[in-house]
């Protein structure tokens, strides 16, 4: 029993239980019957826990023996988890960089990262970097970004169309929610199937 006179929030604990008689529930959930509040407090104190009024409107009020500090901690943790689940993970801006003459092989490699970011719910800024005389051929950069859009297909929606800032041409992509969810499920299924196949493969030498 951490605090014999504590009352946290609107819950009555220990000496704050005002009823003369209470119906007591034990530490393990067992019914201990109706008794005076003083007897209930003594039982809680003897076991090293708190007497907590859990149903003040009942006649007589229902009290329970518990570790109230731990109980409140668990309730707070559950509330925080529920709140976080409702909000979801905040999207993060990731960036993938390339050159106007990046070939398709390297482009596919770079877009593997972009695809992963998008499936995880993040935004992706795709940037084409120009050097020297390459600035005279900006159309190559626009063509590269169009190729990126084509390769990522239904997975993305363009949030910001290509814009030139200095030597950099960038566009911002956001995931198409339904397509990203479908892709994530497909990856999970593929991983599960691969794992299953590896478990069925007999060891070498058999």
N, C-alpha and C. Protein backbone atom coordinates (compact mmCIF):
# COMPACT_ATOMS: atom_id res chain seq x y z
N UNK A 1 0.86 -1.19 0.00
CA UNK A 1 0.00 0.00 0.00
C UNK A 1 0.89 1.22 0.00
N UNK A 2 0.87 1.95 -1.10
CA UNK A 2 1.83 3.04 -1.28
C UNK A 2 1.47 4.29 -0.50
N UNK A 3 0.16 4.57 -0.36
CA UNK A 3 -0.27 5.82 0.25
C UNK A 3 -1.61 5.59 0.92
N UNK A 4 -1.63 5.58 2.22
CA UNK A 4 -2.83 5.25 2.97
C UNK A 4 -3.93 6.26 2.83
N UNK A 5 -3.64 7.46 2.38
CA UNK A 5 -4.69 8.48 2.31
C UNK A 5 -4.85 9.01 0.89
N UNK A 6 -4.30 8.29 -0.09
CA UNK A 6 -4.31 8.83 -1.46
C UNK A 6 -5.69 8.76 -2.08
N UNK A 7 -6.01 9.78 -2.85
CA UNK A 7 -7.18 9.77 -3.72
C UNK A 7 -6.76 10.36 -5.04
N UNK A 8 -6.61 9.49 -6.03
CA UNK A 8 -6.10 9.94 -7.31
C UNK A 8 -7.26 10.10 -8.26
N UNK A 9 -7.44 11.31 -8.83
CA UNK A 9 -8.58 11.57 -9.69
C UNK A 9 -9.85 11.52 -8.87
N UNK A 10 -10.89 10.89 -9.39
CA UNK A 10 -12.16 10.80 -8.68
C UNK A 10 -12.32 9.45 -7.98
N UNK A 11 -11.34 8.59 -8.09
CA UNK A 11 -11.40 7.25 -7.49
C UNK A 11 -11.01 7.33 -6.01
N UNK A 12 -11.84 6.75 -5.16
CA UNK A 12 -11.53 6.74 -3.72
C UNK A 12 -10.65 5.54 -3.40
N UNK A 13 -9.57 5.82 -2.69
CA UNK A 13 -8.58 4.80 -2.37
C UNK A 13 -8.28 4.83 -0.87
N UNK A 14 -8.21 3.65 -0.27
CA UNK A 14 -7.82 3.49 1.13
C UNK A 14 -8.68 4.33 2.08
N UNK A 15 -8.10 5.29 2.80
CA UNK A 15 -8.83 6.06 3.81
C UNK A 15 -9.90 6.96 3.20
N UNK A 16 -9.88 7.16 1.89
CA UNK A 16 -10.87 8.00 1.25
C UNK A 16 -12.17 7.26 0.96
N UNK A 17 -12.19 5.96 1.17
CA UNK A 17 -13.44 5.20 1.02
C UNK A 17 -14.36 5.61 2.16
N UNK A 18 -15.51 6.21 1.84
CA UNK A 18 -16.36 6.83 2.87
C UNK A 18 -17.46 5.94 3.40
N UNK A 19 -17.84 4.90 2.65
CA UNK A 19 -18.96 4.06 3.07
C UNK A 19 -18.63 3.31 4.35
N UNK A 20 -19.67 3.04 5.11
CA UNK A 20 -19.48 2.27 6.34
C UNK A 20 -19.25 0.81 6.02
N UNK A 21 -20.00 0.30 5.04
CA UNK A 21 -19.86 -1.09 4.62
C UNK A 21 -19.53 -1.15 3.13
N UNK A 22 -18.78 -2.15 2.74
CA UNK A 22 -18.43 -2.35 1.33
C UNK A 22 -18.52 -3.83 0.98
N UNK A 23 -18.71 -4.09 -0.30
CA UNK A 23 -18.61 -5.47 -0.79
C UNK A 23 -17.20 -5.62 -1.34
N UNK A 24 -16.44 -6.56 -0.81
CA UNK A 24 -15.02 -6.64 -1.12
C UNK A 24 -14.69 -7.75 -2.11
N UNK A 25 -13.84 -7.39 -3.09
CA UNK A 25 -13.29 -8.36 -4.04
C UNK A 25 -11.80 -8.48 -3.75
N UNK A 26 -11.33 -9.71 -3.65
CA UNK A 26 -9.94 -9.94 -3.31
C UNK A 26 -8.98 -9.69 -4.46
N UNK A 27 -7.70 -9.85 -4.17
CA UNK A 27 -6.65 -9.57 -5.14
C UNK A 27 -6.76 -10.44 -6.38
N UNK A 28 -7.23 -11.67 -6.20
CA UNK A 28 -7.37 -12.59 -7.33
C UNK A 28 -8.74 -12.58 -7.95
N UNK A 29 -9.61 -11.65 -7.55
CA UNK A 29 -10.95 -11.57 -8.11
C UNK A 29 -12.00 -12.33 -7.33
N UNK A 30 -11.60 -12.92 -6.22
CA UNK A 30 -12.54 -13.70 -5.42
C UNK A 30 -13.46 -12.78 -4.61
N UNK A 31 -14.71 -13.21 -4.43
CA UNK A 31 -15.69 -12.44 -3.64
C UNK A 31 -15.46 -12.71 -2.15
N UNK A 32 -15.20 -11.66 -1.41
CA UNK A 32 -14.94 -11.80 0.03
C UNK A 32 -16.13 -11.38 0.87
N UNK A 33 -17.21 -10.92 0.19
CA UNK A 33 -18.44 -10.60 0.90
C UNK A 33 -18.53 -9.17 1.41
N UNK A 34 -19.62 -8.90 2.14
CA UNK A 34 -19.87 -7.57 2.69
C UNK A 34 -19.23 -7.47 4.07
N UNK A 35 -18.55 -6.36 4.30
CA UNK A 35 -17.90 -6.13 5.59
C UNK A 35 -17.73 -4.63 5.79
N UNK A 36 -17.28 -4.24 6.97
CA UNK A 36 -17.06 -2.82 7.21
C UNK A 36 -15.86 -2.34 6.40
N UNK A 37 -15.87 -1.05 6.10
CA UNK A 37 -14.75 -0.48 5.35
C UNK A 37 -13.45 -0.63 6.12
N UNK A 38 -13.52 -0.53 7.46
CA UNK A 38 -12.32 -0.69 8.28
C UNK A 38 -11.72 -2.08 8.13
N UNK A 39 -12.59 -3.11 8.11
CA UNK A 39 -12.11 -4.49 7.93
C UNK A 39 -11.47 -4.65 6.55
N UNK A 40 -12.11 -4.06 5.53
CA UNK A 40 -11.58 -4.16 4.17
C UNK A 40 -10.23 -3.47 4.06
N UNK A 41 -10.10 -2.29 4.69
CA UNK A 41 -8.82 -1.58 4.67
C UNK A 41 -7.73 -2.41 5.35
N UNK A 42 -8.10 -3.05 6.46
CA UNK A 42 -7.13 -3.87 7.20
C UNK A 42 -6.66 -5.05 6.35
N UNK A 43 -7.59 -5.69 5.63
CA UNK A 43 -7.21 -6.81 4.77
C UNK A 43 -6.28 -6.35 3.65
N UNK A 44 -6.58 -5.18 3.08
CA UNK A 44 -5.74 -4.65 2.02
C UNK A 44 -4.35 -4.32 2.55
N UNK A 45 -4.31 -3.67 3.72
CA UNK A 45 -3.03 -3.29 4.31
C UNK A 45 -2.21 -4.52 4.67
N UNK A 46 -2.85 -5.55 5.20
CA UNK A 46 -2.14 -6.78 5.58
C UNK A 46 -1.52 -7.47 4.37
N UNK A 47 -2.16 -7.32 3.21
CA UNK A 47 -1.63 -7.97 2.01
C UNK A 47 -0.67 -7.06 1.25
N UNK A 48 -0.51 -5.81 1.73
CA UNK A 48 0.45 -4.90 1.12
C UNK A 48 -0.07 -4.18 -0.11
N UNK A 49 -1.42 -4.11 -0.24
CA UNK A 49 -2.01 -3.47 -1.41
C UNK A 49 -2.99 -2.39 -0.99
N UNK A 50 -3.70 -1.82 -1.98
CA UNK A 50 -4.64 -0.73 -1.73
C UNK A 50 -6.07 -1.24 -1.74
N UNK A 51 -6.92 -0.51 -1.04
CA UNK A 51 -8.36 -0.74 -1.10
C UNK A 51 -8.91 0.32 -2.05
N UNK A 52 -9.50 -0.12 -3.17
CA UNK A 52 -9.95 0.80 -4.21
C UNK A 52 -11.45 0.63 -4.44
N UNK A 53 -12.17 1.73 -4.40
CA UNK A 53 -13.60 1.70 -4.64
C UNK A 53 -13.82 1.66 -6.16
N UNK A 54 -14.35 0.53 -6.65
CA UNK A 54 -14.50 0.36 -8.10
C UNK A 54 -15.93 0.54 -8.59
N UNK A 55 -16.90 0.47 -7.68
CA UNK A 55 -18.31 0.68 -8.07
C UNK A 55 -19.00 1.47 -6.96
N UNK A 56 -18.78 2.80 -6.93
CA UNK A 56 -19.32 3.62 -5.84
C UNK A 56 -20.84 3.71 -5.83
N UNK A 57 -21.48 3.47 -6.97
CA UNK A 57 -22.94 3.60 -7.03
C UNK A 57 -23.67 2.37 -6.53
N UNK A 58 -22.95 1.26 -6.36
CA UNK A 58 -23.59 0.03 -5.88
C UNK A 58 -23.96 0.18 -4.41
N UNK A 59 -24.90 -0.65 -3.96
CA UNK A 59 -25.30 -0.65 -2.56
C UNK A 59 -25.14 -2.04 -1.97
N UNK A 60 -24.13 -2.24 -1.11
CA UNK A 60 -23.09 -1.29 -0.73
C UNK A 60 -22.06 -1.12 -1.85
N UNK A 61 -21.24 -0.07 -1.78
CA UNK A 61 -20.21 0.14 -2.80
C UNK A 61 -19.27 -1.07 -2.89
N UNK A 62 -18.80 -1.32 -4.10
CA UNK A 62 -17.88 -2.44 -4.31
C UNK A 62 -16.44 -1.93 -4.28
N UNK A 63 -15.62 -2.58 -3.49
CA UNK A 63 -14.20 -2.23 -3.41
C UNK A 63 -13.36 -3.44 -3.79
N UNK A 64 -12.15 -3.17 -4.20
CA UNK A 64 -11.26 -4.25 -4.62
C UNK A 64 -9.87 -4.03 -4.05
N UNK A 65 -9.22 -5.11 -3.68
CA UNK A 65 -7.83 -5.04 -3.24
C UNK A 65 -6.94 -5.12 -4.46
N UNK A 66 -6.07 -4.12 -4.65
CA UNK A 66 -5.18 -4.11 -5.81
C UNK A 66 -4.01 -3.16 -5.57
N UNK A 67 -3.04 -3.27 -6.47
CA UNK A 67 -1.94 -2.30 -6.50
C UNK A 67 -2.43 -1.14 -7.36
N UNK A 68 -2.91 -0.09 -6.71
CA UNK A 68 -3.56 0.99 -7.45
C UNK A 68 -2.59 1.74 -8.37
N UNK A 69 -1.36 1.93 -7.91
CA UNK A 69 -0.37 2.62 -8.73
C UNK A 69 -0.12 1.87 -10.04
N UNK A 70 0.01 0.56 -9.93
CA UNK A 70 0.23 -0.25 -11.14
C UNK A 70 -1.00 -0.24 -12.04
N UNK A 71 -2.16 -0.30 -11.43
CA UNK A 71 -3.43 -0.28 -12.17
C UNK A 71 -3.53 1.01 -13.00
N UNK A 72 -3.24 2.14 -12.37
CA UNK A 72 -3.32 3.43 -13.08
C UNK A 72 -2.28 3.50 -14.20
N UNK A 73 -1.10 2.94 -13.95
CA UNK A 73 -0.06 2.92 -14.98
C UNK A 73 -0.51 2.12 -16.20
N UNK A 74 -1.10 0.95 -15.95
CA UNK A 74 -1.58 0.11 -17.05
C UNK A 74 -2.70 0.81 -17.82
N UNK A 75 -3.61 1.48 -17.10
CA UNK A 75 -4.70 2.19 -17.76
C UNK A 75 -4.16 3.32 -18.63
N UNK A 76 -3.17 4.02 -18.13
CA UNK A 76 -2.58 5.13 -18.88
C UNK A 76 -1.88 4.61 -20.13
N UNK A 77 -1.20 3.47 -20.00
CA UNK A 77 -0.50 2.88 -21.14
C UNK A 77 -1.48 2.43 -22.22
N UNK A 78 -2.60 1.84 -21.80
CA UNK A 78 -3.62 1.40 -22.75
C UNK A 78 -4.23 2.60 -23.48
N UNK A 79 -4.49 3.67 -22.71
CA UNK A 79 -5.08 4.87 -23.32
C UNK A 79 -4.14 5.48 -24.35
N UNK A 80 -2.85 5.50 -24.03
CA UNK A 80 -1.85 6.06 -24.95
C UNK A 80 -1.75 5.21 -26.21
N UNK A 81 -1.82 3.87 -26.05
CA UNK A 81 -1.74 2.98 -27.21
C UNK A 81 -2.95 3.15 -28.10
N UNK A 82 -4.13 3.31 -27.49
CA UNK A 82 -5.35 3.50 -28.26
C UNK A 82 -5.30 4.81 -29.03
N UNK A 83 -4.80 5.85 -28.38
CA UNK A 83 -4.69 7.16 -29.01
C UNK A 83 -3.72 7.11 -30.19
N UNK A 84 -2.58 6.44 -29.97
CA UNK A 84 -1.57 6.34 -31.02
C UNK A 84 -2.10 5.53 -32.20
N UNK A 85 -2.86 4.47 -31.91
CA UNK A 85 -3.43 3.65 -32.97
C UNK A 85 -4.43 4.44 -33.79
N UNK A 86 -5.20 5.29 -33.11
CA UNK A 86 -6.19 6.10 -33.81
C UNK A 86 -5.55 7.11 -34.73
N UNK A 87 -4.46 7.69 -34.29
CA UNK A 87 -3.78 8.70 -35.10
C UNK A 87 -2.94 8.10 -36.21
N UNK A 88 -2.39 6.91 -35.94
CA UNK A 88 -1.51 6.29 -36.92
C UNK A 88 -0.14 6.96 -36.90
N UNK A 89 0.80 6.34 -37.58
CA UNK A 89 2.16 6.88 -37.61
C UNK A 89 2.21 8.10 -38.51
N UNK A 90 2.86 9.14 -38.04
CA UNK A 90 2.98 10.36 -38.83
C UNK A 90 3.88 10.11 -40.04
N UNK A 91 3.45 10.61 -41.19
CA UNK A 91 4.22 10.42 -42.41
C UNK A 91 5.53 11.21 -42.33
N UNK A 92 6.58 10.62 -42.86
CA UNK A 92 7.90 11.25 -42.87
C UNK A 92 8.29 11.51 -44.33
N UNK A 93 8.97 12.61 -44.58
CA UNK A 93 9.42 12.92 -45.93
C UNK A 93 10.78 12.26 -46.19
N UNK A 94 10.82 11.34 -47.14
CA UNK A 94 12.06 10.69 -47.55
C UNK A 94 12.48 11.29 -48.89
N UNK A 95 13.73 11.08 -49.25
CA UNK A 95 14.20 11.63 -50.53
C UNK A 95 15.01 10.61 -51.30
N UNK A 96 14.76 10.56 -52.61
CA UNK A 96 15.53 9.70 -53.51
C UNK A 96 16.14 10.62 -54.57
N UNK A 97 17.46 10.54 -54.74
CA UNK A 97 18.16 11.43 -55.68
C UNK A 97 18.69 10.65 -56.87
N UNK A 98 18.73 11.32 -58.01
CA UNK A 98 19.27 10.70 -59.22
C UNK A 98 19.79 11.78 -60.15
N UNK A 99 20.41 11.36 -61.25
CA UNK A 99 20.92 12.27 -62.26
C UNK A 99 20.04 12.18 -63.49
N UNK A 100 20.07 13.19 -64.36
CA UNK A 100 19.23 13.15 -65.56
C UNK A 100 19.56 11.99 -66.48
N UNK A 101 20.79 11.43 -66.37
CA UNK A 101 21.19 10.33 -67.24
C UNK A 101 21.27 9.00 -66.49
N UNK A 102 20.64 8.92 -65.31
CA UNK A 102 20.59 7.64 -64.59
C UNK A 102 19.89 6.61 -65.47
N UNK A 103 20.55 5.46 -65.68
CA UNK A 103 19.94 4.45 -66.56
C UNK A 103 18.86 3.66 -65.82
N UNK A 104 18.10 2.88 -66.57
CA UNK A 104 16.96 2.16 -65.99
C UNK A 104 17.38 1.17 -64.91
N UNK A 105 18.54 0.55 -65.06
CA UNK A 105 19.01 -0.41 -64.06
C UNK A 105 19.18 0.27 -62.70
N UNK A 106 19.90 1.40 -62.70
CA UNK A 106 20.11 2.14 -61.46
C UNK A 106 18.80 2.75 -60.96
N UNK A 107 17.95 3.15 -61.89
CA UNK A 107 16.68 3.75 -61.50
C UNK A 107 15.81 2.74 -60.76
N UNK A 108 15.75 1.52 -61.26
CA UNK A 108 14.98 0.47 -60.59
C UNK A 108 15.53 0.22 -59.18
N UNK A 109 16.85 0.25 -59.06
CA UNK A 109 17.47 0.05 -57.74
C UNK A 109 17.05 1.15 -56.77
N UNK A 110 17.10 2.41 -57.24
CA UNK A 110 16.73 3.53 -56.38
C UNK A 110 15.24 3.48 -56.02
N UNK A 111 14.43 3.04 -56.96
CA UNK A 111 12.99 3.03 -56.71
C UNK A 111 12.55 1.92 -55.78
N UNK A 112 13.44 0.95 -55.55
CA UNK A 112 13.11 -0.06 -54.54
C UNK A 112 13.00 0.59 -53.16
N UNK A 113 13.90 1.53 -52.89
CA UNK A 113 13.82 2.27 -51.63
C UNK A 113 12.58 3.14 -51.60
N UNK A 114 12.31 3.84 -52.71
CA UNK A 114 11.13 4.70 -52.76
C UNK A 114 9.85 3.89 -52.53
N UNK A 115 9.80 2.72 -53.14
CA UNK A 115 8.63 1.85 -52.99
C UNK A 115 8.44 1.45 -51.53
N UNK A 116 9.54 1.09 -50.88
CA UNK A 116 9.47 0.70 -49.45
C UNK A 116 8.97 1.86 -48.61
N UNK A 117 9.48 3.06 -48.84
CA UNK A 117 9.03 4.23 -48.09
C UNK A 117 7.53 4.45 -48.27
N UNK A 118 7.08 4.34 -49.51
CA UNK A 118 5.66 4.59 -49.81
C UNK A 118 4.75 3.54 -49.18
N UNK A 119 5.16 2.29 -49.23
CA UNK A 119 4.36 1.22 -48.63
C UNK A 119 4.26 1.42 -47.12
N UNK A 120 5.31 1.99 -46.52
CA UNK A 120 5.30 2.27 -45.08
C UNK A 120 4.50 3.52 -44.73
N UNK A 121 3.97 4.21 -45.76
CA UNK A 121 3.13 5.37 -45.51
C UNK A 121 3.84 6.71 -45.56
N UNK A 122 5.10 6.72 -45.96
CA UNK A 122 5.86 7.98 -46.01
C UNK A 122 5.72 8.67 -47.37
N UNK A 123 6.00 9.97 -47.38
CA UNK A 123 6.08 10.72 -48.63
C UNK A 123 7.48 10.54 -49.20
N UNK A 124 7.59 10.70 -50.50
CA UNK A 124 8.91 10.59 -51.14
C UNK A 124 9.13 11.79 -52.05
N UNK A 125 10.24 12.49 -51.81
CA UNK A 125 10.66 13.57 -52.69
C UNK A 125 11.69 13.01 -53.66
N UNK A 126 11.36 13.02 -54.93
CA UNK A 126 12.26 12.50 -55.96
C UNK A 126 12.97 13.70 -56.60
N UNK A 127 14.30 13.70 -56.52
CA UNK A 127 15.08 14.85 -56.98
C UNK A 127 16.07 14.46 -58.06
N UNK A 128 16.04 15.21 -59.15
CA UNK A 128 17.03 15.06 -60.22
C UNK A 128 18.04 16.19 -60.05
N UNK A 129 19.32 15.82 -59.94
CA UNK A 129 20.39 16.80 -59.71
C UNK A 129 21.12 17.07 -61.04
N UNK A 130 21.25 18.35 -61.39
CA UNK A 130 21.93 18.75 -62.62
C UNK A 130 23.32 19.29 -62.30
N UNK A 131 24.25 19.07 -63.23
CA UNK A 131 25.59 19.64 -63.11
C UNK A 131 25.96 20.33 -64.41
N UNK A 132 26.60 21.49 -64.27
CA UNK A 132 27.15 22.20 -65.43
C UNK A 132 26.20 22.30 -66.60
N UNK A 133 26.65 21.77 -67.75
CA UNK A 133 25.90 21.90 -68.99
C UNK A 133 24.59 21.11 -69.01
N UNK A 134 24.43 20.21 -68.05
CA UNK A 134 23.18 19.43 -68.00
C UNK A 134 21.96 20.34 -67.83
N UNK A 135 22.19 21.52 -67.24
CA UNK A 135 21.08 22.46 -67.03
C UNK A 135 20.46 22.94 -68.34
N UNK A 136 21.22 22.82 -69.41
CA UNK A 136 20.70 23.23 -70.73
C UNK A 136 19.73 22.19 -71.29
N UNK A 137 19.67 21.05 -70.64
CA UNK A 137 18.79 19.97 -71.12
C UNK A 137 17.85 19.51 -69.99
N UNK A 138 17.14 20.47 -69.45
CA UNK A 138 16.24 20.17 -68.34
C UNK A 138 15.16 19.16 -68.71
N UNK A 139 14.85 19.10 -70.02
CA UNK A 139 13.79 18.18 -70.45
C UNK A 139 14.15 16.74 -70.09
N UNK A 140 15.47 16.45 -70.00
CA UNK A 140 15.88 15.10 -69.60
C UNK A 140 15.48 14.80 -68.15
N UNK A 141 15.54 15.84 -67.31
CA UNK A 141 15.14 15.67 -65.92
C UNK A 141 13.64 15.44 -65.80
N UNK A 142 12.86 16.21 -66.55
CA UNK A 142 11.41 16.04 -66.53
C UNK A 142 11.03 14.64 -67.04
N UNK A 143 11.75 14.20 -68.06
CA UNK A 143 11.49 12.87 -68.61
C UNK A 143 11.81 11.79 -67.57
N UNK A 144 12.87 12.03 -66.78
CA UNK A 144 13.25 11.06 -65.75
C UNK A 144 12.18 10.96 -64.68
N UNK A 145 11.64 12.11 -64.26
CA UNK A 145 10.58 12.09 -63.25
C UNK A 145 9.31 11.44 -63.79
N UNK A 146 9.04 11.65 -65.07
CA UNK A 146 7.88 11.00 -65.68
C UNK A 146 8.07 9.48 -65.70
N UNK A 147 9.30 9.05 -65.91
CA UNK A 147 9.62 7.62 -65.89
C UNK A 147 9.43 7.06 -64.48
N UNK A 148 9.81 7.82 -63.47
CA UNK A 148 9.60 7.40 -62.08
C UNK A 148 8.11 7.22 -61.81
N UNK A 149 7.32 8.18 -62.23
CA UNK A 149 5.88 8.12 -62.03
C UNK A 149 5.29 6.88 -62.72
N UNK A 150 5.80 6.61 -63.92
CA UNK A 150 5.33 5.46 -64.70
C UNK A 150 5.67 4.14 -64.00
N UNK A 151 6.90 4.04 -63.48
CA UNK A 151 7.34 2.80 -62.84
C UNK A 151 6.62 2.52 -61.52
N UNK A 152 6.33 3.57 -60.78
CA UNK A 152 5.64 3.39 -59.49
C UNK A 152 4.13 3.20 -59.67
N UNK A 153 3.62 3.64 -60.78
CA UNK A 153 2.24 3.36 -61.16
C UNK A 153 1.19 3.76 -60.14
N UNK A 154 0.25 2.82 -59.87
CA UNK A 154 -0.89 3.10 -59.00
C UNK A 154 -0.51 3.29 -57.54
N UNK A 155 0.72 2.94 -57.21
CA UNK A 155 1.16 3.06 -55.82
C UNK A 155 1.22 4.52 -55.36
N UNK A 156 1.35 5.46 -56.31
CA UNK A 156 1.59 6.85 -55.91
C UNK A 156 0.58 7.83 -56.49
N UNK A 157 0.48 8.93 -55.77
CA UNK A 157 -0.22 10.12 -56.25
C UNK A 157 0.78 11.27 -56.16
N UNK A 158 0.81 12.12 -57.16
CA UNK A 158 1.74 13.26 -57.14
C UNK A 158 1.14 14.37 -56.28
N UNK A 159 1.83 14.70 -55.20
CA UNK A 159 1.37 15.78 -54.33
C UNK A 159 1.85 17.13 -54.86
N UNK A 160 3.13 17.20 -55.25
CA UNK A 160 3.71 18.41 -55.84
C UNK A 160 4.31 18.05 -57.20
N UNK A 161 3.82 18.68 -58.25
CA UNK A 161 4.34 18.45 -59.59
C UNK A 161 5.80 18.91 -59.66
N UNK A 162 6.56 18.40 -60.65
CA UNK A 162 7.99 18.76 -60.76
C UNK A 162 8.22 20.27 -60.75
N UNK A 163 9.15 20.70 -59.91
CA UNK A 163 9.51 22.11 -59.81
C UNK A 163 11.02 22.25 -59.80
N UNK A 164 11.51 23.26 -60.49
CA UNK A 164 12.95 23.50 -60.59
C UNK A 164 13.37 24.51 -59.53
N UNK A 165 14.37 24.15 -58.72
CA UNK A 165 14.93 25.06 -57.73
C UNK A 165 16.44 25.01 -57.86
N UNK A 166 17.01 26.05 -58.46
CA UNK A 166 18.45 26.04 -58.68
C UNK A 166 18.84 24.92 -59.63
N UNK A 167 19.71 24.02 -59.13
CA UNK A 167 20.17 22.89 -59.93
C UNK A 167 19.37 21.61 -59.67
N UNK A 168 18.28 21.77 -58.94
CA UNK A 168 17.52 20.58 -58.55
C UNK A 168 16.09 20.62 -59.08
N UNK A 169 15.65 19.51 -59.65
CA UNK A 169 14.28 19.37 -60.13
C UNK A 169 13.62 18.29 -59.26
N UNK A 170 12.55 18.67 -58.57
CA UNK A 170 11.96 17.74 -57.61
C UNK A 170 10.44 17.64 -57.76
N UNK A 171 9.92 16.47 -57.39
CA UNK A 171 8.48 16.30 -57.24
C UNK A 171 8.25 15.49 -55.97
N UNK A 172 7.08 15.67 -55.37
CA UNK A 172 6.76 14.97 -54.13
C UNK A 172 5.64 13.97 -54.40
N UNK A 173 5.87 12.74 -53.98
CA UNK A 173 4.90 11.67 -54.17
C UNK A 173 4.34 11.23 -52.82
N UNK A 174 3.07 10.90 -52.81
CA UNK A 174 2.45 10.35 -51.60
C UNK A 174 1.84 9.00 -51.97
N UNK A 175 1.77 8.08 -51.00
CA UNK A 175 1.24 6.75 -51.33
C UNK A 175 -0.27 6.77 -51.57
N UNK A 176 -0.70 5.99 -52.54
CA UNK A 176 -2.11 5.70 -52.71
C UNK A 176 -2.46 4.67 -51.65
N UNK A 177 -3.29 5.04 -50.70
CA UNK A 177 -3.51 4.22 -49.51
C UNK A 177 -3.91 2.78 -49.84
N UNK A 178 -4.89 2.61 -50.72
CA UNK A 178 -5.37 1.26 -51.04
C UNK A 178 -4.29 0.44 -51.73
N UNK A 179 -3.58 1.06 -52.67
CA UNK A 179 -2.52 0.35 -53.40
C UNK A 179 -1.37 -0.01 -52.47
N UNK A 180 -1.03 0.91 -51.54
CA UNK A 180 0.06 0.64 -50.59
C UNK A 180 -0.31 -0.51 -49.66
N UNK A 181 -1.56 -0.54 -49.21
CA UNK A 181 -2.02 -1.61 -48.33
C UNK A 181 -2.00 -2.95 -49.06
N UNK A 182 -2.45 -2.94 -50.32
CA UNK A 182 -2.44 -4.18 -51.11
C UNK A 182 -1.02 -4.67 -51.32
N UNK A 183 -0.09 -3.75 -51.58
CA UNK A 183 1.31 -4.12 -51.78
C UNK A 183 1.91 -4.71 -50.51
N UNK A 184 1.57 -4.12 -49.38
CA UNK A 184 2.09 -4.61 -48.10
C UNK A 184 1.58 -6.02 -47.82
N UNK A 185 0.30 -6.25 -48.11
CA UNK A 185 -0.28 -7.59 -47.90
C UNK A 185 0.36 -8.61 -48.83
N UNK A 186 0.61 -8.19 -50.07
CA UNK A 186 1.23 -9.10 -51.03
C UNK A 186 2.64 -9.47 -50.59
N UNK A 187 3.38 -8.50 -50.06
CA UNK A 187 4.73 -8.77 -49.58
C UNK A 187 4.71 -9.72 -48.39
N UNK A 188 3.75 -9.51 -47.48
CA UNK A 188 3.64 -10.37 -46.30
C UNK A 188 3.31 -11.80 -46.72
N UNK A 189 2.40 -11.93 -47.68
CA UNK A 189 2.02 -13.27 -48.17
C UNK A 189 3.20 -13.96 -48.83
N UNK A 190 3.94 -13.20 -49.66
CA UNK A 190 5.11 -13.76 -50.34
C UNK A 190 6.17 -14.21 -49.35
N UNK A 191 6.38 -13.39 -48.30
CA UNK A 191 7.37 -13.74 -47.27
C UNK A 191 6.97 -15.00 -46.54
N UNK A 192 5.66 -15.13 -46.24
CA UNK A 192 5.16 -16.30 -45.52
C UNK A 192 5.33 -17.56 -46.37
N UNK A 193 5.04 -17.44 -47.68
CA UNK A 193 5.17 -18.58 -48.58
C UNK A 193 6.63 -19.00 -48.72
N UNK A 194 7.51 -18.01 -48.79
CA UNK A 194 8.94 -18.30 -48.91
C UNK A 194 9.45 -19.02 -47.67
N UNK A 195 9.00 -18.56 -46.50
CA UNK A 195 9.40 -19.19 -45.23
C UNK A 195 8.89 -20.62 -45.18
N UNK A 196 7.67 -20.81 -45.63
CA UNK A 196 7.08 -22.15 -45.61
C UNK A 196 7.84 -23.10 -46.51
N UNK A 197 8.26 -22.62 -47.68
CA UNK A 197 9.01 -23.45 -48.61
C UNK A 197 10.36 -23.84 -48.03
N UNK A 198 11.01 -22.86 -47.34
CA UNK A 198 12.33 -23.15 -46.80
C UNK A 198 12.26 -24.17 -45.69
N UNK A 199 11.12 -24.16 -44.93
CA UNK A 199 10.98 -25.13 -43.84
C UNK A 199 10.77 -26.54 -44.37
N UNK A 200 10.15 -26.64 -45.59
CA UNK A 200 9.86 -27.95 -46.15
C UNK A 200 11.06 -28.51 -46.91
N UNK A 201 12.04 -27.68 -47.24
CA UNK A 201 13.22 -28.14 -47.98
C UNK A 201 14.09 -29.01 -47.09
N UNK A 202 14.35 -30.25 -47.45
CA UNK A 202 15.15 -31.14 -46.59
C UNK A 202 16.60 -30.69 -46.51
N UNK A 203 17.26 -30.94 -45.38
CA UNK A 203 18.67 -30.56 -45.23
C UNK A 203 19.53 -31.23 -46.28
N UNK A 204 20.64 -30.61 -46.61
CA UNK A 204 21.55 -31.16 -47.60
C UNK A 204 22.05 -32.53 -47.17
N UNK A 205 22.07 -33.47 -48.12
CA UNK A 205 22.58 -34.81 -47.80
C UNK A 205 21.47 -35.80 -47.56
N UNK A 206 20.18 -35.34 -47.44
CA UNK A 206 19.09 -36.26 -47.20
C UNK A 206 18.47 -36.66 -48.53
